[in-house]
Amino acid sequence: GANYWRFLTKEFPMKMKNLFNISHNSEETFVAGLSM
């Protein structure tokens, strides 16, 4: 099936950083989520 972990940890963050000009500095970013 799909490689969800690779997508969520490699591909998706790079797309968001490029699309929204998010900092590449890990001290300036975080991950959060509700429920699952």
Full PDB file with SEQRES, HELIX, SHEET, SSBOND, CRYST1, ORIGX, SCALE, CONECT and MASTER records, all heavy atoms in Angstrom:
SEQRES   1 A   36  GLY ALA ASN TYR TRP ARG PHE LEU THR LYS GLU PHE PRO          
SEQRES   2 A   36  MET LYS MET LYS ASN LEU PHE ASN ILE SER HIS ASN SER          
SEQRES   3 A   36  GLU GLU THR PHE VAL ALA GLY LEU SER MET                      
HELIX    1 AA1 TYR A    4  ARG A    6  1                                   3    
HELIX    2 AA2 PHE A    7  GLU A   11  3                                   5    
HELIX    3 AA3 PHE A   12  PHE A   20  1                                   9    
HELIX    4 AA4 SER A   26  GLU A   28  5                                   3    
CRYST1    1.000    1.000    1.000  90.00  90.00  90.00 P 1           1          
ORIGX1      1.000000  0.000000  0.000000        0.00000                         
ORIGX2      0.000000  1.000000  0.000000        0.00000                         
ORIGX3      0.000000  0.000000  1.000000        0.00000                         
SCALE1      1.000000  0.000000  0.000000        0.00000                         
SCALE2      0.000000  1.000000  0.000000        0.00000                         
SCALE3      0.000000  0.000000  1.000000        0.00000                         
ATOM      1  N   GLY A   1       0.827  -1.196   0.000  1.00  0.00           N  
ATOM      2  CA  GLY A   1       0.000   0.000   0.000  1.00  0.00           C  
ATOM      3  C   GLY A   1       0.863   1.248   0.000  1.00  0.00           C  
ATOM      4  O   GLY A   1       2.029   1.212  -0.392  1.00  0.00           O  
ATOM      5  N   ALA A   2       0.294   2.312   0.473  1.00  0.00           N  
ATOM      6  CA  ALA A   2       0.969   3.619   0.448  1.00  0.00           C  
ATOM      7  C   ALA A   2       2.043   3.735   1.522  1.00  0.00           C  
ATOM      8  O   ALA A   2       1.994   3.074   2.552  1.00  0.00           O  
ATOM      9  CB  ALA A   2      -0.060   4.720   0.623  1.00  0.00           C  
ATOM     10  N   ASN A   3       3.034   4.584   1.256  1.00  0.00           N  
ATOM     11  CA  ASN A   3       4.098   4.879   2.223  1.00  0.00           C  
ATOM     12  C   ASN A   3       3.745   6.160   2.971  1.00  0.00           C  
ATOM     13  O   ASN A   3       4.277   7.229   2.700  1.00  0.00           O  
ATOM     14  CB  ASN A   3       5.438   5.031   1.501  1.00  0.00           C  
ATOM     15  CG  ASN A   3       5.905   3.723   0.922  1.00  0.00           C  
ATOM     16  OD1 ASN A   3       5.763   2.678   1.530  1.00  0.00           O  
ATOM     17  ND2 ASN A   3       6.456   3.779  -0.265  1.00  0.00           N  
ATOM     18  N   TYR A   4       2.832   6.040   3.926  1.00  0.00           N  
ATOM     19  CA  TYR A   4       2.343   7.203   4.651  1.00  0.00           C  
ATOM     20  C   TYR A   4       3.426   7.842   5.517  1.00  0.00           C  
ATOM     21  O   TYR A   4       3.504   9.059   5.614  1.00  0.00           O  
ATOM     22  CB  TYR A   4       1.146   6.822   5.524  1.00  0.00           C  
ATOM     23  CG  TYR A   4      -0.085   6.465   4.734  1.00  0.00           C  
ATOM     24  CD1 TYR A   4      -0.513   5.153   4.633  1.00  0.00           C  
ATOM     25  CD2 TYR A   4      -0.817   7.450   4.086  1.00  0.00           C  
ATOM     26  CE1 TYR A   4      -1.644   4.833   3.911  1.00  0.00           C  
ATOM     27  CE2 TYR A   4      -1.943   7.145   3.366  1.00  0.00           C  
ATOM     28  CZ  TYR A   4      -2.363   5.825   3.281  1.00  0.00           C  
ATOM     29  OH  TYR A   4      -3.471   5.514   2.565  1.00  0.00           O  
ATOM     30  N   TRP A   5       4.227   7.045   6.197  1.00  0.00           N  
ATOM     31  CA  TRP A   5       5.257   7.597   7.073  1.00  0.00           C  
ATOM     32  C   TRP A   5       6.258   8.432   6.277  1.00  0.00           C  
ATOM     33  O   TRP A   5       6.601   9.543   6.663  1.00  0.00           O  
ATOM     34  CB  TRP A   5       5.975   6.493   7.843  1.00  0.00           C  
ATOM     35  CG  TRP A   5       7.024   7.033   8.757  1.00  0.00           C  
ATOM     36  CD1 TRP A   5       8.371   6.912   8.623  1.00  0.00           C  
ATOM     37  CD2 TRP A   5       6.817   7.802   9.936  1.00  0.00           C  
ATOM     38  NE1 TRP A   5       9.009   7.556   9.639  1.00  0.00           N  
ATOM     39  CE2 TRP A   5       8.079   8.111  10.464  1.00  0.00           C  
ATOM     40  CE3 TRP A   5       5.680   8.265  10.607  1.00  0.00           C  
ATOM     41  CZ2 TRP A   5       8.240   8.861  11.623  1.00  0.00           C  
ATOM     42  CZ3 TRP A   5       5.847   9.010  11.755  1.00  0.00           C  
ATOM     43  CH2 TRP A   5       7.112   9.293  12.249  1.00  0.00           C  
ATOM     44  N   ARG A   6       6.704   7.923   5.160  1.00  0.00           N  
ATOM     45  CA  ARG A   6       7.639   8.665   4.314  1.00  0.00           C  
ATOM     46  C   ARG A   6       6.995   9.958   3.815  1.00  0.00           C  
ATOM     47  O   ARG A   6       7.614  11.011   3.813  1.00  0.00           O  
ATOM     48  CB  ARG A   6       8.093   7.818   3.137  1.00  0.00           C  
ATOM     49  CG  ARG A   6       9.135   8.561   2.277  1.00  0.00           C  
ATOM     50  CD  ARG A   6       9.546   7.773   1.089  1.00  0.00           C  
ATOM     51  NE  ARG A   6       8.345   7.512   0.283  1.00  0.00           N  
ATOM     52  CZ  ARG A   6       8.332   6.765  -0.781  1.00  0.00           C  
ATOM     53  NH1 ARG A   6       9.411   6.141  -1.177  1.00  0.00           N  
ATOM     54  NH2 ARG A   6       7.223   6.585  -1.465  1.00  0.00           N  
ATOM     55  N   PHE A   7       5.728   9.870   3.414  1.00  0.00           N  
ATOM     56  CA  PHE A   7       5.034  11.066   2.946  1.00  0.00           C  
ATOM     57  C   PHE A   7       4.941  12.114   4.049  1.00  0.00           C  
ATOM     58  O   PHE A   7       5.238  13.287   3.829  1.00  0.00           O  
ATOM     59  CB  PHE A   7       3.629  10.713   2.447  1.00  0.00           C  
ATOM     60  CG  PHE A   7       2.794  11.919   2.146  1.00  0.00           C  
ATOM     61  CD1 PHE A   7       3.061  12.685   1.025  1.00  0.00           C  
ATOM     62  CD2 PHE A   7       1.772  12.300   2.992  1.00  0.00           C  
ATOM     63  CE1 PHE A   7       2.305  13.822   0.751  1.00  0.00           C  
ATOM     64  CE2 PHE A   7       1.013  13.428   2.724  1.00  0.00           C  
ATOM     65  CZ  PHE A   7       1.282  14.188   1.601  1.00  0.00           C  
ATOM     66  N   LEU A   8       4.543  11.685   5.250  1.00  0.00           N  
ATOM     67  CA  LEU A   8       4.342  12.640   6.346  1.00  0.00           C  
ATOM     68  C   LEU A   8       5.638  13.199   6.908  1.00  0.00           C  
ATOM     69  O   LEU A   8       5.650  14.299   7.458  1.00  0.00           O  
ATOM     70  CB  LEU A   8       3.554  11.989   7.486  1.00  0.00           C  
ATOM     71  CG  LEU A   8       2.099  11.716   7.173  1.00  0.00           C  
ATOM     72  CD1 LEU A   8       1.476  10.875   8.269  1.00  0.00           C  
ATOM     73  CD2 LEU A   8       1.340  13.011   6.986  1.00  0.00           C  
ATOM     74  N   THR A   9       6.737  12.486   6.794  1.00  0.00           N  
ATOM     75  CA  THR A   9       7.994  12.953   7.393  1.00  0.00           C  
ATOM     76  C   THR A   9       8.956  13.566   6.391  1.00  0.00           C  
ATOM     77  O   THR A   9       9.861  14.296   6.784  1.00  0.00           O  
ATOM     78  CB  THR A   9       8.714  11.808   8.115  1.00  0.00           C  
ATOM     79  OG1 THR A   9       8.999  10.756   7.187  1.00  0.00           O  
ATOM     80  CG2 THR A   9       7.873  11.281   9.268  1.00  0.00           C  
ATOM     81  N   LYS A  10       8.778  13.305   5.107  1.00  0.00           N  
ATOM     82  CA  LYS A  10       9.706  13.826   4.091  1.00  0.00           C  
ATOM     83  C   LYS A  10       8.996  14.735   3.086  1.00  0.00           C  
ATOM     84  O   LYS A  10       9.331  15.895   2.935  1.00  0.00           O  
ATOM     85  CB  LYS A  10      10.388  12.676   3.342  1.00  0.00           C  
ATOM     86  CG  LYS A  10      11.093  11.686   4.225  1.00  0.00           C  
ATOM     87  CD  LYS A  10      12.346  12.267   4.807  1.00  0.00           C  
ATOM     88  CE  LYS A  10      13.049  11.175   5.604  1.00  0.00           C  
ATOM     89  NZ  LYS A  10      13.854  11.674   6.646  1.00  0.00           N  
ATOM     90  N   GLU A  11       8.019  14.177   2.383  1.00  0.00           N  
ATOM     91  CA  GLU A  11       7.396  14.895   1.265  1.00  0.00           C  
ATOM     92  C   GLU A  11       6.480  16.035   1.727  1.00  0.00           C  
ATOM     93  O   GLU A  11       6.592  17.165   1.243  1.00  0.00           O  
ATOM     94  CB  GLU A  11       6.602  13.918   0.408  1.00  0.00           C  
ATOM     95  CG  GLU A  11       7.459  12.852  -0.247  1.00  0.00           C  
ATOM     96  CD  GLU A  11       6.632  11.802  -0.955  1.00  0.00           C  
ATOM     97  OE1 GLU A  11       5.542  12.153  -1.473  1.00  0.00           O  
ATOM     98  OE2 GLU A  11       7.062  10.650  -0.994  1.00  0.00           O  
ATOM     99  N   PHE A  12       5.571  15.757   2.648  1.00  0.00           N  
ATOM    100  CA  PHE A  12       4.601  16.761   3.096  1.00  0.00           C  
ATOM    101  C   PHE A  12       5.260  17.982   3.742  1.00  0.00           C  
ATOM    102  O   PHE A  12       4.913  19.113   3.392  1.00  0.00           O  
ATOM    103  CB  PHE A  12       3.589  16.104   4.043  1.00  0.00           C  
ATOM    104  CG  PHE A  12       2.453  16.997   4.427  1.00  0.00           C  
ATOM    105  CD1 PHE A  12       1.522  17.394   3.480  1.00  0.00           C  
ATOM    106  CD2 PHE A  12       2.307  17.431   5.728  1.00  0.00           C  
ATOM    107  CE1 PHE A  12       0.463  18.212   3.830  1.00  0.00           C  
ATOM    108  CE2 PHE A  12       1.260  18.239   6.085  1.00  0.00           C  
ATOM    109  CZ  PHE A  12       0.335  18.633   5.132  1.00  0.00           C  
ATOM    110  N   PRO A  13       6.232  17.809   4.652  1.00  0.00           N  
ATOM    111  CA  PRO A  13       6.877  18.996   5.233  1.00  0.00           C  
ATOM    112  C   PRO A  13       7.575  19.874   4.189  1.00  0.00           C  
ATOM    113  O   PRO A  13       7.498  21.109   4.276  1.00  0.00           O  
ATOM    114  CB  PRO A  13       7.888  18.418   6.221  1.00  0.00           C  
ATOM    115  CG  PRO A  13       7.345  17.088   6.582  1.00  0.00           C  
ATOM    116  CD  PRO A  13       6.680  16.584   5.336  1.00  0.00           C  
ATOM    117  N   MET A  14       8.217  19.271   3.209  1.00  0.00           N  
ATOM    118  CA  MET A  14       8.886  20.067   2.181  1.00  0.00           C  
ATOM    119  C   MET A  14       7.875  20.827   1.330  1.00  0.00           C  
ATOM    120  O   MET A  14       8.093  21.993   0.992  1.00  0.00           O  
ATOM    121  CB  MET A  14       9.765  19.183   1.298  1.00  0.00           C  
ATOM    122  CG  MET A  14      11.007  18.673   2.004  1.00  0.00           C  
ATOM    123  SD  MET A  14      11.998  19.968   2.788  1.00  0.00           S  
ATOM    124  CE  MET A  14      12.459  20.953   1.392  1.00  0.00           C  
ATOM    125  N   LYS A  15       6.755  20.201   1.020  1.00  0.00           N  
ATOM    126  CA  LYS A  15       5.720  20.890   0.259  1.00  0.00           C  
ATOM    127  C   LYS A  15       5.175  22.077   1.042  1.00  0.00           C  
ATOM    128  O   LYS A  15       4.971  23.161   0.498  1.00  0.00           O  
ATOM    129  CB  LYS A  15       4.584  19.932  -0.098  1.00  0.00           C  
ATOM    130  CG  LYS A  15       4.958  18.930  -1.150  1.00  0.00           C  
ATOM    131  CD  LYS A  15       3.802  18.003  -1.457  1.00  0.00           C  
ATOM    132  CE  LYS A  15       4.254  16.914  -2.378  1.00  0.00           C  
ATOM    133  NZ  LYS A  15       3.605  16.952  -3.657  1.00  0.00           N  
ATOM    134  N   MET A  16       4.932  21.893   2.329  1.00  0.00           N  
ATOM    135  CA  MET A  16       4.400  22.972   3.153  1.00  0.00           C  
ATOM    136  C   MET A  16       5.418  24.097   3.345  1.00  0.00           C  
ATOM    137  O   MET A  16       5.066  25.270   3.328  1.00  0.00           O  
ATOM    138  CB  MET A  16       3.949  22.445   4.522  1.00  0.00           C  
ATOM    139  CG  MET A  16       2.754  21.515   4.457  1.00  0.00           C  
ATOM    140  SD  MET A  16       1.278  22.289   3.754  1.00  0.00           S  
ATOM    141  CE  MET A  16       1.269  21.627   2.096  1.00  0.00           C  
ATOM    142  N   LYS A  17       6.692  23.737   3.516  1.00  0.00           N  
ATOM    143  CA  LYS A  17       7.736  24.754   3.678  1.00  0.00           C  
ATOM    144  C   LYS A  17       7.867  25.607   2.428  1.00  0.00           C  
ATOM    145  O   LYS A  17       8.056  26.822   2.517  1.00  0.00           O  
ATOM    146  CB  LYS A  17       9.068  24.099   4.019  1.00  0.00           C  
ATOM    147  CG  LYS A  17       9.126  23.585   5.432  1.00  0.00           C  
ATOM    148  CD  LYS A  17      10.435  22.888   5.730  1.00  0.00           C  
ATOM    149  CE  LYS A  17      10.415  22.332   7.141  1.00  0.00           C  
ATOM    150  NZ  LYS A  17      11.635  21.604   7.465  1.00  0.00           N  
ATOM    151  N   ASN A  18       7.756  24.996   1.276  1.00  0.00           N  
ATOM    152  CA  ASN A  18       7.856  25.743   0.023  1.00  0.00           C  
ATOM    153  C   ASN A  18       6.600  26.552  -0.264  1.00  0.00           C  
ATOM    154  O   ASN A  18       6.671  27.677  -0.739  1.00  0.00           O  
ATOM    155  CB  ASN A  18       8.160  24.802  -1.136  1.00  0.00           C  
ATOM    156  CG  ASN A  18       9.532  24.186  -1.027  1.00  0.00           C  
ATOM    157  OD1 ASN A  18      10.444  24.792  -0.477  1.00  0.00           O  
ATOM    158  ND2 ASN A  18       9.691  22.983  -1.529  1.00  0.00           N  
ATOM    159  N   LEU A  19       5.440  25.994   0.032  1.00  0.00           N  
ATOM    160  CA  LEU A  19       4.179  26.656  -0.257  1.00  0.00           C  
ATOM    161  C   LEU A  19       3.922  27.837   0.675  1.00  0.00           C  
ATOM    162  O   LEU A  19       3.478  28.899   0.251  1.00  0.00           O  
ATOM    163  CB  LEU A  19       3.031  25.649  -0.159  1.00  0.00           C  
ATOM    164  CG  LEU A  19       1.644  26.141  -0.528  1.00  0.00           C  
ATOM    165  CD1 LEU A  19       1.603  26.554  -1.994  1.00  0.00           C  
ATOM    166  CD2 LEU A  19       0.633  25.045  -0.269  1.00  0.00           C  
ATOM    167  N   PHE A  20       4.228  27.676   1.968  1.00  0.00           N  
ATOM    168  CA  PHE A  20       3.917  28.698   2.964  1.00  0.00           C  
ATOM    169  C   PHE A  20       5.134  29.421   3.515  1.00  0.00           C  
ATOM    170  O   PHE A  20       5.038  30.155   4.483  1.00  0.00           O  
ATOM    171  CB  PHE A  20       3.128  28.076   4.128  1.00  0.00           C  
ATOM    172  CG  PHE A  20       1.785  27.583   3.714  1.00  0.00           C  
ATOM    173  CD1 PHE A  20       1.516  26.230   3.682  1.00  0.00           C  
ATOM    174  CD2 PHE A  20       0.788  28.468   3.341  1.00  0.00           C  
ATOM    175  CE1 PHE A  20       0.267  25.761   3.304  1.00  0.00           C  
ATOM    176  CE2 PHE A  20      -0.460  28.015   2.958  1.00  0.00           C  
ATOM    177  CZ  PHE A  20      -0.721  26.656   2.941  1.00  0.00           C  
ATOM    178  N   ASN A  21       6.313  29.188   2.953  1.00  0.00           N  
ATOM    179  CA  ASN A  21       7.538  29.849   3.404  1.00  0.00           C  
ATOM    180  C   ASN A  21       7.780  29.613   4.901  1.00  0.00           C  
ATOM    181  O   ASN A  21       8.059  30.546   5.655  1.00  0.00           O  
ATOM    182  CB  ASN A  21       7.509  31.342   3.081  1.00  0.00           C  
ATOM    183  CG  ASN A  21       8.882  31.956   3.191  1.00  0.00           C  
ATOM    184  OD1 ASN A  21       9.889  31.281   3.036  1.00  0.00           O  
ATOM    185  ND2 ASN A  21       8.921  33.242   3.459  1.00  0.00           N  
ATOM    186  N   ILE A  22       7.645  28.375   5.326  1.00  0.00           N  
ATOM    187  CA  ILE A  22       7.876  27.985   6.724  1.00  0.00           C  
ATOM    188  C   ILE A  22       9.372  27.854   6.954  1.00  0.00           C  
ATOM    189  O   ILE A  22      10.110  27.421   6.089  1.00  0.00           O  
ATOM    190  CB  ILE A  22       7.161  26.649   7.033  1.00  0.00           C  
ATOM    191  CG1 ILE A  22       5.651  26.828   6.858  1.00  0.00           C  
ATOM    192  CG2 ILE A  22       7.486  26.147   8.426  1.00  0.00           C  
ATOM    193  CD1 ILE A  22       4.870  25.542   6.926  1.00  0.00           C  
ATOM    194  N   SER A  23       9.813  28.196   8.151  1.00  0.00           N  
ATOM    195  CA  SER A  23      11.231  28.140   8.496  1.00  0.00           C  
ATOM    196  C   SER A  23      11.764  26.714   8.375  1.00  0.00           C  
ATOM    197  O   SER A  23      11.094  25.748   8.723  1.00  0.00           O  
ATOM    198  CB  SER A  23      11.434  28.639   9.923  1.00  0.00           C  
ATOM    199  OG  SER A  23      12.763  28.441  10.322  1.00  0.00           O  
ATOM    200  N   HIS A  24      12.996  26.589   7.910  1.00  0.00           N  
ATOM    201  CA  HIS A  24      13.670  25.290   7.855  1.00  0.00           C  
ATOM    202  C   HIS A  24      14.385  24.987   9.173  1.00  0.00           C  
ATOM    203  O   HIS A  24      14.953  23.922   9.340  1.00  0.00           O  
ATOM    204  CB  HIS A  24      14.667  25.265   6.699  1.00  0.00           C  
ATOM    205  CG  HIS A  24      14.004  25.234   5.368  1.00  0.00           C  
ATOM    206  ND1 HIS A  24      13.734  24.073   4.698  1.00  0.00           N  
ATOM    207  CD2 HIS A  24      13.525  26.229   4.583  1.00  0.00           C  
ATOM    208  CE1 HIS A  24      13.128  24.337   3.562  1.00  0.00           C  
ATOM    209  NE2 HIS A  24      12.991  25.648   3.465  1.00  0.00           N  
ATOM    210  N   ASN A  25      14.351  25.915  10.120  1.00  0.00           N  
ATOM    211  CA  ASN A  25      14.987  25.753  11.427  1.00  0.00           C  
ATOM    212  C   ASN A  25      14.045  24.967  12.341  1.00  0.00           C  
ATOM    213  O   ASN A  25      12.939  25.415  12.645  1.00  0.00           O  
ATOM    214  CB  ASN A  25      15.294  27.133  12.016  1.00  0.00           C  
ATOM    215  CG  ASN A  25      16.094  27.059  13.280  1.00  0.00           C  
ATOM    216  OD1 ASN A  25      16.389  25.985  13.781  1.00  0.00           O  
ATOM    217  ND2 ASN A  25      16.436  28.210  13.804  1.00  0.00           N  
ATOM    218  N   SER A  26      14.463  23.800  12.810  1.00  0.00           N  
ATOM    219  CA  SER A  26      13.585  22.937  13.608  1.00  0.00           C  
ATOM    220  C   SER A  26      13.193  23.565  14.936  1.00  0.00           C  
ATOM    221  O   SER A  26      12.151  23.218  15.494  1.00  0.00           O  
ATOM    222  CB  SER A  26      14.246  21.579  13.849  1.00  0.00           C  
ATOM    223  OG  SER A  26      15.444  21.735  14.571  1.00  0.00           O  
ATOM    224  N   GLU A  27      13.967  24.510  15.458  1.00  0.00           N  
ATOM    225  CA  GLU A  27      13.613  25.172  16.713  1.00  0.00           C  
ATOM    226  C   GLU A  27      12.438  26.125  16.538  1.00  0.00           C  
ATOM    227  O   GLU A  27      11.844  26.559  17.512  1.00  0.00           O  
ATOM    228  CB  GLU A  27      14.813  25.942  17.288  1.00  0.00           C  
ATOM    229  CG  GLU A  27      15.899  25.060  17.872  1.00  0.00           C  
ATOM    230  CD  GLU A  27      16.834  24.513  16.805  1.00  0.00           C  
ATOM    231  OE1 GLU A  27      16.869  25.049  15.680  1.00  0.00           O  
ATOM    232  OE2 GLU A  27      17.522  23.515  17.098  1.00  0.00           O  
ATOM    233  N   GLU A  28      12.086  26.456  15.317  1.00  0.00           N  
ATOM    234  CA  GLU A  28      11.006  27.399  15.057  1.00  0.00           C  
ATOM    235  C   GLU A  28       9.730  26.730  14.560  1.00  0.00           C  
ATOM    236  O   GLU A  28       8.777  27.405  14.194  1.00  0.00           O  
ATOM    237  CB  GLU A  28      11.469  28.432  14.021  1.00  0.00           C  
ATOM    238  CG  GLU A  28      12.624  29.274  14.504  1.00  0.00           C  
ATOM    239  CD  GLU A  28      13.156  30.200  13.437  1.00  0.00           C  
ATOM    240  OE1 GLU A  28      12.707  30.128  12.275  1.00  0.00           O  
ATOM    241  OE2 GLU A  28      14.033  31.010  13.772  1.00  0.00           O  
ATOM    242  N   THR A  29       9.689  25.402  14.542  1.00  0.00           N  
ATOM    243  CA  THR A  29       8.511  24.683  14.066  1.00  0.00           C  
ATOM    244  C   THR A  29       8.099  23.617  15.076  1.00  0.00           C  
ATOM    245  O   THR A  29       8.871  23.255  15.964  1.00  0.00           O  
ATOM    246  CB  THR A  29       8.792  24.005  12.707  1.00  0.00           C  
ATOM    247  OG1 THR A  29       9.867  23.090  12.860  1.00  0.00           O  
ATOM    248  CG2 THR A  29       9.139  25.029  11.637  1.00  0.00           C  
ATOM    249  N   PHE A  30       6.869  23.119  14.944  1.00  0.00           N  
ATOM    250  CA  PHE A  30       6.388  22.042  15.808  1.00  0.00           C  
ATOM    251  C   PHE A  30       5.322  21.250  15.070  1.00  0.00           C  
ATOM    252  O   PHE A  30       4.837  21.661  14.029  1.00  0.00           O  
ATOM    253  CB  PHE A  30       5.833  22.581  17.132  1.00  0.00           C  
ATOM    254  CG  PHE A  30       4.608  23.436  16.970  1.00  0.00           C  
ATOM    255  CD1 PHE A  30       3.348  22.873  17.069  1.00  0.00           C  
ATOM    256  CD2 PHE A  30       4.710  24.792  16.719  1.00  0.00           C  
ATOM    257  CE1 PHE A  30       2.216  23.651  16.917  1.00  0.00           C  
ATOM    258  CE2 PHE A  30       3.590  25.581  16.573  1.00  0.00           C  
ATOM    259  CZ  PHE A  30       2.329  25.013  16.673  1.00  0.00           C  
ATOM    260  N   VAL A  31       4.961  20.117  15.639  1.00  0.00           N  
ATOM    261  CA  VAL A  31       3.927  19.251  15.080  1.00  0.00           C  
ATOM    262  C   VAL A  31       2.844  19.081  16.128  1.00  0.00           C  
ATOM    263  O   VAL A  31       3.142  18.899  17.306  1.00  0.00           O  
ATOM    264  CB  VAL A  31       4.505  17.863  14.694  1.00  0.00           C  
ATOM    265  CG1 VAL A  31       3.409  16.937  14.217  1.00  0.00           C  
ATOM    266  CG2 VAL A  31       5.592  18.025  13.664  1.00  0.00           C  
ATOM    267  N   ALA A  32       1.583  19.140  15.720  1.00  0.00           N  
ATOM    268  CA  ALA A  32       0.463  18.961  16.637  1.00  0.00           C  
ATOM    269  C   ALA A  32      -0.662  18.258  15.910  1.00  0.00           C  
ATOM    270  O   ALA A  32      -0.729  18.259  14.684  1.00  0.00           O  
ATOM    271  CB  ALA A  32      -0.007  20.306  17.158  1.00  0.00           C  
ATOM    272  N   GLY A  33      -1.568  17.672  16.661  1.00  0.00           N  
ATOM    273  CA  GLY A  33      -2.724  17.027  16.057  1.00  0.00           C  
ATOM    274  C   GLY A  33      -3.787  16.710  17.092  1.00  0.00           C  
ATOM    275  O   GLY A  33      -3.489  16.622  18.279  1.00  0.00           O  
ATOM    276  N   LEU A  34      -5.013  16.560  16.646  1.00  0.00           N  
ATOM    277  CA  LEU A  34      -6.140  16.218  17.508  1.00  0.00           C  
ATOM    278  C   LEU A  34      -6.589  14.794  17.208  1.00  0.00           C  
ATOM    279  O   LEU A  34      -6.528  14.345  16.078  1.00  0.00           O  
ATOM    280  CB  LEU A  34      -7.308  17.170  17.270  1.00  0.00           C  
ATOM    281  CG  LEU A  34      -7.051  18.633  17.574  1.00  0.00           C  
ATOM    282  CD1 LEU A  34      -8.231  19.469  17.113  1.00  0.00           C  
ATOM    283  CD2 LEU A  34      -6.791  18.832  19.048  1.00  0.00           C  
ATOM    284  N   SER A  35      -7.043  14.103  18.242  1.00  0.00           N  
ATOM    285  CA  SER A  35      -7.568  12.757  18.110  1.00  0.00           C  
ATOM    286  C   SER A  35      -6.535  11.840  17.480  1.00  0.00           C  
ATOM    287  O   SER A  35      -5.397  11.760  17.954  1.00  0.00           O  
ATOM    288  CB  SER A  35      -8.880  12.778  17.326  1.00  0.00           C  
ATOM    289  OG  SER A  35      -9.495  11.524  17.392  1.00  0.00           O  
ATOM    290  N   MET A  36      -6.854  11.161  16.395  1.00  0.00           N  
ATOM    291  CA  MET A  36      -5.911  10.242  15.751  1.00  0.00           C  
ATOM    292  C   MET A  36      -4.688  10.992  15.212  1.00  0.00           C  
ATOM    293  O   MET A  36      -3.580  10.460  15.212  1.00  0.00           O  
ATOM    294  CB  MET A  36      -6.610   9.496  14.613  1.00  0.00           C  
ATOM    295  CG  MET A  36      -5.788   8.421  13.994  1.00  0.00           C  
ATOM    296  SD  MET A  36      -5.337   7.196  15.226  1.00  0.00           S  
ATOM    297  CE  MET A  36      -4.348   6.134  14.239  1.00  0.00           C  
TER     298      MET A  36                                                      
MASTER        0    0    0    4    0    0    0    6  297    1    0    3          
END                                                                             
